[in-house]
Amino acid sequence: MKKSFKHFSWLLLLLVPLLIVSGCGKSSSNKTIKVGIMGSDEKIWKPVQKKLKKEGVNIKLVTFTDYNQPNAALTNHEIALNSFQHTYFMDQWNKAHKSNIVSIGKTVRAPLRLYSKKVKSVADIKKGDQITIPNDSTNEGRALHLLQSAGLIKVNDSKALPTPKDITQNKLNLKITPVDAAQTPRSLTDAAGAVINNEFAAEAKLPNSETIYKEKINKASIPYINIIATNKADKNNKTYKKIVKAYQTEATKKLLKKYYHGLTIPAW
C-alpha cells in the first residue's frame, strides 16, 4: 500500500507541471487580439468579430480618428493588427519611422474623390476658388495627382509624392489648402471642393451626388489598395491569417456594398 501511494505521489508531481503548461497554452489561445480600425469601418468589422468569436478567436476593435495613430500603436504593440492604410502609406511610414510593418492581406480599393457642395462639375470651378486636400504626405501627393488628372493643375511628375510647392501650373490660381484628413468634409462649408478619403466621406455621409471627380482605378492605383497589416515578426501568425480569411468573404463584400454604396471596392 505504501509503495502504491508513493508511486501515485510521484505521478502527481510529474503531472502538475504538465497541467499548468496545458492551462497556460489554453489561456494563450483565448487571448484577445486587438485590431485597429478607423471608426467608419466598425460596421464592416463587427460581423467579422462575431464570426471569429464562434470560431474561438476573440478580437477587440480599437477605433482611431486619424492616420497617425494606428501604426504608432502597432509598432508599440498596443494593438496586434490594423486595417486602415494602403500599401503606399505603409511603405512611406516604414521609411519615415524605421518600422517593420507588413501587409498580410488585401481589403479594399478606396478611390479618392473630389467633392463639392458649391459646384456640380470640375468645369464649374472658378478662378481663385479654394480646394482642400489631406495634409499627410502620402494622401497629399495622391490628392495633387488627382487634381492634375482632373485638369485643374499640373505638378512636377518627377516627384512621387508632390506637395503644393511642386505645382508647376495653376491657371485658375486655385488656393490648394492642406488640412487634417479628418477635417476635409467640414471644409466643404467654405471651400469650392475638397479631396476626401473614403472613410471620412462615409463618416460625414457625403452623397455620391456631391462627387465631381473620382480617382481612376488602373495599374497606377495598385499601391493604394488597402490592407490588413502587422509587425514583420508576426507576419506568419496563424491566428492573424485566420482573421484575414474571416474578412475576405462574400459576406464582407455585401456589407461593403450596403454601407459604402460603391465608394469602396473589394480588392481580394
Protein backbone atom coordinates (compact mmCIF):
# COMPACT_ATOMS: atom_id res chain seq x y z
CA MET A 1 0.00 0.00 0.00
CA LYS A 2 2.85 2.35 0.92
CA LYS A 3 4.62 1.62 -2.36
CA SER A 4 1.44 2.21 -4.28
CA PHE A 5 0.82 5.57 -2.55
CA LYS A 6 4.44 6.63 -3.07
CA HIS A 7 4.19 5.76 -6.76
CA PHE A 8 0.94 7.78 -7.04
CA SER A 9 2.60 10.80 -5.36
CA TRP A 10 5.41 10.76 -7.89
CA LEU A 11 2.87 10.64 -10.70
CA LEU A 12 1.10 13.70 -9.29
CA LEU A 13 4.40 15.61 -9.09
CA LEU A 14 5.04 14.83 -12.75
CA LEU A 15 1.53 15.68 -13.87
CA VAL A 16 1.15 19.06 -12.09
CA PRO A 17 3.70 20.94 -14.28
CA LEU A 18 2.12 19.41 -17.39
CA LEU A 19 -1.32 20.56 -16.29
CA ILE A 20 0.00 24.07 -15.62
CA VAL A 21 1.65 24.27 -19.05
CA SER A 22 -1.51 22.92 -20.66
CA GLY A 23 -3.61 25.52 -18.82
CA CYS A 24 -1.30 28.33 -19.90
CA GLY A 25 -1.50 27.21 -23.51
CA LYS A 26 -5.28 27.26 -23.41
CA SER A 27 -5.29 30.74 -21.91
CA SER A 28 -2.89 31.97 -24.60
CA SER A 29 -5.07 30.66 -27.43
CA ASN A 30 -8.05 32.56 -26.00
CA LYS A 31 -6.12 35.80 -25.73
CA THR A 32 -7.96 38.84 -27.11
CA ILE A 33 -6.36 40.23 -30.27
CA LYS A 34 -6.66 43.99 -30.73
CA VAL A 35 -7.33 45.22 -34.27
CA GLY A 36 -7.01 48.94 -35.03
CA ILE A 37 -9.53 50.41 -37.47
CA MET A 38 -11.00 53.77 -38.43
CA GLY A 39 -14.38 54.43 -36.82
CA SER A 40 -16.33 54.27 -40.09
CA ASP A 41 -15.20 50.66 -40.64
CA GLU A 42 -16.72 49.39 -37.40
CA LYS A 43 -19.90 48.27 -39.18
CA ILE A 44 -17.79 46.13 -41.53
CA TRP A 45 -15.63 44.63 -38.82
CA LYS A 46 -18.33 43.92 -36.19
CA PRO A 47 -19.77 40.95 -38.16
CA VAL A 48 -16.20 39.68 -38.74
CA GLN A 49 -15.63 39.93 -34.99
CA LYS A 50 -18.84 37.97 -34.32
CA LYS A 51 -17.93 35.26 -36.86
CA LEU A 52 -14.45 34.83 -35.38
CA LYS A 53 -15.79 34.53 -31.84
CA LYS A 54 -17.79 31.47 -32.94
CA GLU A 55 -14.51 30.05 -34.27
CA GLY A 56 -12.75 30.61 -30.95
CA VAL A 57 -10.88 33.79 -31.91
CA ASN A 58 -11.58 36.84 -29.77
CA ILE A 59 -10.78 40.21 -31.31
CA LYS A 60 -11.25 43.66 -29.84
CA LEU A 61 -11.79 46.53 -32.26
CA VAL A 62 -9.82 49.65 -31.39
CA THR A 63 -11.08 52.71 -33.29
CA PHE A 64 -8.89 55.63 -34.31
CA THR A 65 -9.77 59.08 -35.63
CA ASP A 66 -6.66 60.00 -37.63
CA TYR A 67 -3.99 58.31 -39.71
CA ASN A 68 -1.07 58.97 -37.36
CA GLN A 69 -2.27 56.75 -34.52
CA PRO A 70 -2.80 53.17 -35.82
CA ASN A 71 0.76 52.47 -36.99
CA ALA A 72 2.26 54.01 -33.86
CA ALA A 73 0.00 51.77 -31.77
CA LEU A 74 1.04 48.75 -33.86
CA THR A 75 4.79 49.32 -33.51
CA ASN A 76 4.32 49.90 -29.76
CA HIS A 77 2.43 46.57 -29.56
CA GLU A 78 -0.68 48.28 -28.21
CA ILE A 79 -2.58 46.51 -31.00
CA ALA A 80 -1.74 43.36 -32.97
CA LEU A 81 -3.15 44.32 -36.38
CA ASN A 82 -4.54 47.36 -38.11
CA SER A 83 -6.78 47.86 -41.12
CA PHE A 84 -6.86 51.43 -42.36
CA GLN A 85 -3.99 52.11 -44.76
CA HIS A 86 -2.91 51.36 -48.30
CA THR A 87 0.42 49.84 -49.26
CA TYR A 88 1.97 53.16 -50.30
CA PHE A 89 1.10 54.77 -46.96
CA MET A 90 2.63 51.80 -45.11
CA ASP A 91 5.85 51.97 -47.15
CA GLN A 92 6.23 55.69 -46.51
CA TRP A 93 5.53 55.22 -42.80
CA ASN A 94 8.17 52.49 -42.56
CA LYS A 95 10.75 54.74 -44.22
CA ALA A 96 9.95 57.72 -42.02
CA HIS A 97 9.75 55.82 -38.73
CA LYS A 98 12.21 52.97 -39.40
CA SER A 99 9.49 50.46 -38.61
CA ASN A 100 8.81 46.99 -39.99
CA ILE A 101 5.10 46.92 -40.70
CA VAL A 102 3.98 44.47 -43.39
CA SER A 103 0.80 43.58 -45.23
CA ILE A 104 -0.81 40.19 -44.56
CA GLY A 105 -3.93 40.64 -46.69
CA LYS A 106 -5.81 42.94 -49.03
CA THR A 107 -9.10 44.60 -48.10
CA VAL A 108 -10.46 47.25 -50.48
CA ARG A 109 -9.68 49.80 -53.14
CA ALA A 110 -10.97 53.17 -51.99
CA PRO A 111 -10.55 55.76 -54.77
CA LEU A 112 -10.03 59.35 -53.64
CA ARG A 113 -12.86 61.67 -54.62
CA LEU A 114 -13.20 65.38 -55.17
CA TYR A 115 -16.42 66.54 -53.50
CA SER A 116 -18.24 69.85 -53.69
CA LYS A 117 -21.38 71.41 -52.21
CA LYS A 118 -20.99 74.54 -54.35
CA VAL A 119 -20.45 73.30 -57.91
CA LYS A 120 -21.81 70.42 -59.97
CA SER A 121 -18.72 69.67 -62.06
CA VAL A 122 -14.99 70.33 -62.32
CA ALA A 123 -15.75 72.74 -65.20
CA ASP A 124 -17.70 74.96 -62.77
CA ILE A 125 -14.69 75.62 -60.52
CA LYS A 126 -13.76 79.29 -60.84
CA LYS A 127 -10.60 81.33 -60.68
CA GLY A 128 -9.34 81.79 -57.12
CA ASP A 129 -11.50 79.02 -55.65
CA GLN A 130 -10.20 77.05 -52.68
CA ILE A 131 -9.62 73.30 -52.84
CA THR A 132 -8.71 71.46 -49.62
CA ILE A 133 -6.64 68.26 -49.61
CA PRO A 134 -5.44 65.84 -46.87
CA ASN A 135 -2.22 67.04 -45.25
CA ASP A 136 -0.50 63.69 -44.57
CA SER A 137 2.35 63.31 -47.05
CA THR A 138 1.02 60.24 -48.88
CA ASN A 139 -2.56 61.39 -49.40
CA GLU A 140 -1.48 64.98 -50.06
CA GLY A 141 0.62 63.82 -53.03
CA ARG A 142 -2.13 61.49 -54.15
CA ALA A 143 -4.69 64.32 -53.98
CA LEU A 144 -2.48 66.59 -56.09
CA HIS A 145 -2.19 63.85 -58.72
CA LEU A 146 -5.99 63.59 -58.63
CA LEU A 147 -6.38 67.34 -59.24
CA GLN A 148 -3.89 67.05 -62.10
CA SER A 149 -5.88 64.16 -63.58
CA ALA A 150 -8.99 66.36 -63.33
CA GLY A 151 -7.20 69.03 -65.41
CA LEU A 152 -7.13 71.64 -62.65
CA ILE A 153 -3.36 71.84 -62.06
CA LYS A 154 -0.06 70.35 -63.20
CA VAL A 155 2.60 69.02 -60.84
CA ASN A 156 6.24 68.04 -61.12
CA ASP A 157 5.87 64.42 -62.27
CA SER A 158 9.38 63.57 -61.14
CA LYS A 159 8.10 63.69 -57.56
CA ALA A 160 6.34 60.53 -56.41
CA LEU A 161 4.82 62.50 -53.54
CA PRO A 162 4.41 66.10 -54.67
CA THR A 163 3.49 68.91 -52.28
CA PRO A 164 1.75 72.19 -53.16
CA LYS A 165 5.24 73.62 -53.75
CA ASP A 166 5.58 71.18 -56.67
CA ILE A 167 2.61 72.60 -58.57
CA THR A 168 4.02 73.77 -61.92
CA GLN A 169 0.81 75.10 -63.45
CA ASN A 170 -2.28 76.57 -61.78
CA LYS A 171 -4.15 78.55 -64.46
CA LEU A 172 -7.14 79.22 -62.20
CA ASN A 173 -4.89 80.35 -59.36
CA LEU A 174 -6.66 77.89 -57.08
CA LYS A 175 -5.91 78.02 -53.37
CA ILE A 176 -4.77 74.46 -52.62
CA THR A 177 -5.02 74.12 -48.84
CA PRO A 178 -3.77 71.03 -46.96
CA VAL A 179 -5.80 70.23 -43.82
CA ASP A 180 -6.07 67.27 -41.50
CA ALA A 181 -7.70 64.44 -43.48
CA ALA A 182 -10.47 64.12 -40.87
CA GLN A 183 -11.37 67.80 -41.38
CA THR A 184 -11.73 67.68 -45.18
CA PRO A 185 -15.52 67.04 -45.11
CA ARG A 186 -16.06 70.06 -42.82
CA SER A 187 -14.01 72.23 -45.14
CA LEU A 188 -16.74 71.88 -47.79
CA THR A 189 -18.67 74.61 -45.97
CA ASP A 190 -16.17 77.21 -47.20
CA ALA A 191 -14.12 75.58 -49.97
CA ALA A 192 -15.33 75.07 -53.52
CA GLY A 193 -14.11 71.49 -53.33
CA ALA A 194 -12.29 69.01 -51.12
CA VAL A 195 -10.38 65.82 -51.86
CA ILE A 196 -11.67 63.39 -49.25
CA ASN A 197 -10.63 59.88 -48.25
CA ASN A 198 -13.37 57.29 -48.35
CA GLU A 199 -13.68 56.64 -44.60
CA PHE A 200 -14.12 60.31 -43.79
CA ALA A 201 -16.60 60.76 -46.64
CA ALA A 202 -18.55 57.81 -45.24
CA GLU A 203 -18.47 59.20 -41.70
CA ALA A 204 -19.75 62.56 -42.98
CA LYS A 205 -22.45 60.73 -45.00
CA LEU A 206 -21.48 62.61 -48.17
CA PRO A 207 -23.76 61.54 -51.03
CA ASN A 208 -22.37 60.29 -54.34
CA SER A 209 -24.14 63.22 -55.99
CA GLU A 210 -21.56 65.55 -54.45
CA THR A 211 -18.66 63.72 -56.12
CA ILE A 212 -17.43 65.81 -59.03
CA TYR A 213 -14.34 63.75 -59.85
CA LYS A 214 -13.05 60.29 -58.90
CA GLU A 215 -9.59 58.76 -58.92
CA LYS A 216 -9.14 56.33 -61.80
CA ILE A 217 -8.67 52.65 -60.99
CA ASN A 218 -5.76 51.32 -63.04
CA LYS A 219 -2.23 49.95 -62.63
CA ALA A 220 -1.11 53.25 -61.11
CA SER A 221 -3.64 52.81 -58.31
CA ILE A 222 -2.40 49.36 -57.22
CA PRO A 223 -0.19 50.83 -54.43
CA TYR A 224 -3.37 52.37 -53.00
CA ILE A 225 -5.05 49.03 -52.28
CA ASN A 226 -5.93 48.93 -48.59
CA ILE A 227 -4.50 46.19 -46.40
CA ILE A 228 -4.52 44.42 -43.06
CA ALA A 229 -1.09 45.00 -41.52
CA THR A 230 1.01 43.71 -38.66
CA ASN A 231 4.60 43.83 -37.45
CA LYS A 232 7.00 41.82 -39.61
CA ALA A 233 7.84 39.44 -36.75
CA ASP A 234 4.17 38.37 -36.66
CA LYS A 235 3.52 38.03 -40.40
CA ASN A 236 3.20 34.22 -40.23
CA ASN A 237 0.95 34.15 -37.18
CA LYS A 238 -1.75 31.55 -37.96
CA THR A 239 -4.44 33.32 -35.93
CA TYR A 240 -3.78 36.61 -37.73
CA LYS A 241 -4.12 34.80 -41.07
CA LYS A 242 -7.41 33.39 -39.82
CA ILE A 243 -8.61 36.95 -39.17
CA VAL A 244 -7.68 37.94 -42.74
CA LYS A 245 -9.59 34.93 -44.08
CA ALA A 246 -12.65 35.85 -41.99
CA TYR A 247 -12.59 39.35 -43.51
CA GLN A 248 -12.13 38.22 -47.11
CA THR A 249 -15.60 36.71 -47.61
CA GLU A 250 -18.69 37.21 -49.75
CA ALA A 251 -20.47 38.42 -46.60
CA THR A 252 -17.96 41.27 -46.25
CA LYS A 253 -18.40 42.17 -49.94
CA LYS A 254 -22.14 42.52 -49.33
CA LEU A 255 -21.55 44.72 -46.28
CA LEU A 256 -19.18 46.97 -48.25
CA LYS A 257 -21.81 47.37 -50.93
CA LYS A 258 -24.55 48.01 -48.36
CA TYR A 259 -22.72 50.65 -46.33
CA TYR A 260 -20.39 52.28 -48.87
CA HIS A 261 -22.61 52.17 -51.97
CA GLY A 262 -19.70 51.62 -54.34
CA LEU A 263 -17.29 54.03 -52.62
CA THR A 264 -15.04 51.06 -51.82
CA ILE A 265 -14.37 48.03 -54.00
CA PRO A 266 -13.26 44.62 -52.61
CA ALA A 267 -9.63 44.02 -53.57
CA TRP A 268 -9.10 40.36 -52.72
